Amino acid sequence: MLAESDEVMLVEGNVYFPRESVRFEYLKESPTKTTCTWKGEARYYSVVAGGEENRDAAWYYPDPKPAAEQIRGYVSFWKGVKVRD
């Protein structure tokens, strides 16, 4: 399990977890960055578990634009990472 929280946020169909609920021992900083017009610049983590790496499978916005301020300090997952409630 990479993260567990009752305080998640749903934004554009993506579940965002508070940083304190994320198990960072399975994440490795990635050099990848992308830009969203309304959220700002996203930075990525690769998920490393079971001897395998899922590149850029998690992302966060370290300095989101004002319209997305609510996701500051939150991390989201994709690329095959399953989110269950």
C-alpha atoms as a PDB file:
ATOM      1  CA  MET A   1       0.000   0.000   0.000  1.00  0.00           C
ATOM      2  CA  LEU A   2       1.436   3.359  -1.063  1.00  0.00           C
ATOM      3  CA  ALA A   3      -1.005   5.662   0.733  1.00  0.00           C
ATOM      4  CA  GLU A   4      -4.033   5.494   2.993  1.00  0.00           C
ATOM      5  CA  SER A   5      -6.206   8.367   4.192  1.00  0.00           C
ATOM      6  CA  ASP A   6      -9.764   9.465   4.879  1.00  0.00           C
ATOM      7  CA  GLU A   7      -8.749  12.996   3.843  1.00  0.00           C
ATOM      8  CA  VAL A   8      -8.343  12.502   0.084  1.00  0.00           C
ATOM      9  CA  MET A   9      -9.402  15.021  -2.567  1.00  0.00           C
ATOM     10  CA  LEU A  10     -10.861  14.248  -5.979  1.00  0.00           C
ATOM     11  CA  VAL A  11      -9.705  16.640  -8.725  1.00  0.00           C
ATOM     12  CA  GLU A  12     -10.414  15.976 -12.404  1.00  0.00           C
ATOM     13  CA  GLY A  13     -11.032  12.303 -11.650  1.00  0.00           C
ATOM     14  CA  ASN A  14      -7.723  11.882  -9.785  1.00  0.00           C
ATOM     15  CA  VAL A  15      -7.520  11.013  -6.099  1.00  0.00           C
ATOM     16  CA  TYR A  16      -5.020  13.172  -4.191  1.00  0.00           C
ATOM     17  CA  PHE A  17      -3.593  11.934  -0.872  1.00  0.00           C
ATOM     18  CA  PRO A  18      -2.148  14.159   1.863  1.00  0.00           C
ATOM     19  CA  ARG A  19       1.671  13.898   1.913  1.00  0.00           C
ATOM     20  CA  GLU A  20       1.666  12.601   5.475  1.00  0.00           C
ATOM     21  CA  SER A  21      -0.352   9.556   4.350  1.00  0.00           C
ATOM     22  CA  VAL A  22       2.087   8.586   1.569  1.00  0.00           C
ATOM     23  CA  ARG A  23       4.778   5.940   2.098  1.00  0.00           C
ATOM     24  CA  PHE A  24       7.735   7.753   0.575  1.00  0.00           C
ATOM     25  CA  GLU A  25      10.053   4.781   1.071  1.00  0.00           C
ATOM     26  CA  TYR A  26       8.497   3.448  -2.169  1.00  0.00           C
ATOM     27  CA  LEU A  27       8.880   6.693  -4.127  1.00  0.00           C
ATOM     28  CA  LYS A  28      11.921   8.067  -5.928  1.00  0.00           C
ATOM     29  CA  GLU A  29      12.179  11.651  -7.197  1.00  0.00           C
ATOM     30  CA  SER A  30      11.907  11.894 -10.974  1.00  0.00           C
ATOM     31  CA  PRO A  31      13.310  14.670 -13.181  1.00  0.00           C
ATOM     32  CA  THR A  32       9.992  14.787 -15.079  1.00  0.00           C
ATOM     33  CA  LYS A  33       7.941  17.987 -14.936  1.00  0.00           C
ATOM     34  CA  THR A  34       4.731  18.902 -16.731  1.00  0.00           C
ATOM     35  CA  THR A  35       2.595  22.028 -16.736  1.00  0.00           C
ATOM     36  CA  CYS A  36      -1.158  22.309 -16.300  1.00  0.00           C
ATOM     37  CA  THR A  37      -2.725  25.604 -17.350  1.00  0.00           C
ATOM     38  CA  TRP A  38      -4.760  25.986 -14.169  1.00  0.00           C
ATOM     39  CA  LYS A  39      -2.794  23.938 -11.595  1.00  0.00           C
ATOM     40  CA  GLY A  40       0.783  24.903 -12.479  1.00  0.00           C
ATOM     41  CA  GLU A  41       3.934  22.802 -12.676  1.00  0.00           C
ATOM     42  CA  ALA A  42       3.713  19.162 -11.601  1.00  0.00           C
ATOM     43  CA  ARG A  43       6.686  17.163 -10.421  1.00  0.00           C
ATOM     44  CA  TYR A  44       6.841  13.389 -10.414  1.00  0.00           C
ATOM     45  CA  TYR A  45       7.940  10.375  -8.410  1.00  0.00           C
ATOM     46  CA  SER A  46       8.625   6.893  -9.695  1.00  0.00           C
ATOM     47  CA  VAL A  47       7.210   4.035  -7.635  1.00  0.00           C
ATOM     48  CA  VAL A  48       9.833   1.440  -6.702  1.00  0.00           C
ATOM     49  CA  ALA A  49       8.547  -1.823  -5.205  1.00  0.00           C
ATOM     50  CA  GLY A  50       9.248  -5.522  -5.567  1.00  0.00           C
ATOM     51  CA  GLY A  51      12.435  -4.811  -7.512  1.00  0.00           C
ATOM     52  CA  GLU A  52      10.516  -2.953 -10.232  1.00  0.00           C
ATOM     53  CA  GLU A  53      10.161   0.722 -11.093  1.00  0.00           C
ATOM     54  CA  ASN A  54       6.997   2.372 -12.396  1.00  0.00           C
ATOM     55  CA  ARG A  55       8.363   5.639 -13.791  1.00  0.00           C
ATOM     56  CA  ASP A  56       6.489   8.851 -13.065  1.00  0.00           C
ATOM     57  CA  ALA A  57       3.564   7.001 -11.465  1.00  0.00           C
ATOM     58  CA  ALA A  58       2.936   9.695  -8.845  1.00  0.00           C
ATOM     59  CA  TRP A  59       2.822  13.466  -9.070  1.00  0.00           C
ATOM     60  CA  TYR A  60       2.353  16.574  -6.974  1.00  0.00           C
ATOM     61  CA  TYR A  61       2.229  20.351  -7.348  1.00  0.00           C
ATOM     62  CA  PRO A  62       4.870  21.945  -5.086  1.00  0.00           C
ATOM     63  CA  ASP A  63       3.674  25.477  -5.826  1.00  0.00           C
ATOM     64  CA  PRO A  64       0.183  25.285  -7.355  1.00  0.00           C
ATOM     65  CA  LYS A  65      -1.533  28.244  -8.954  1.00  0.00           C
ATOM     66  CA  PRO A  66      -4.185  29.998  -6.811  1.00  0.00           C
ATOM     67  CA  ALA A  67      -7.068  28.076  -8.430  1.00  0.00           C
ATOM     68  CA  ALA A  68      -5.475  24.784  -7.305  1.00  0.00           C
ATOM     69  CA  GLU A  69      -4.157  25.824  -3.897  1.00  0.00           C
ATOM     70  CA  GLN A  70      -6.263  23.092  -2.239  1.00  0.00           C
ATOM     71  CA  ILE A  71      -3.948  20.374  -3.638  1.00  0.00           C
ATOM     72  CA  ARG A  72      -0.765  21.853  -2.164  1.00  0.00           C
ATOM     73  CA  GLY A  73       0.798  19.112  -0.063  1.00  0.00           C
ATOM     74  CA  TYR A  74      -1.101  16.315  -1.841  1.00  0.00           C
ATOM     75  CA  VAL A  75       0.153  13.470  -4.063  1.00  0.00           C
ATOM     76  CA  SER A  76      -1.744  11.578  -6.765  1.00  0.00           C
ATOM     77  CA  PHE A  77      -1.054   8.291  -8.576  1.00  0.00           C
ATOM     78  CA  TRP A  78      -1.609   6.833 -12.049  1.00  0.00           C
ATOM     79  CA  LYS A  79       0.085   4.452 -14.533  1.00  0.00           C
ATOM     80  CA  GLY A  80      -1.483   1.322 -13.142  1.00  0.00           C
ATOM     81  CA  VAL A  81      -1.423   2.276  -9.456  1.00  0.00           C
ATOM     82  CA  LYS A  82      -4.827   1.205  -8.131  1.00  0.00           C
ATOM     83  CA  VAL A  83      -6.788   3.456  -5.809  1.00  0.00           C
ATOM     84  CA  ARG A  84      -9.459   1.735  -3.726  1.00  0.00           C
ATOM     85  CA  ASP A  85     -11.911   3.059  -1.189  1.00  0.00           C
END
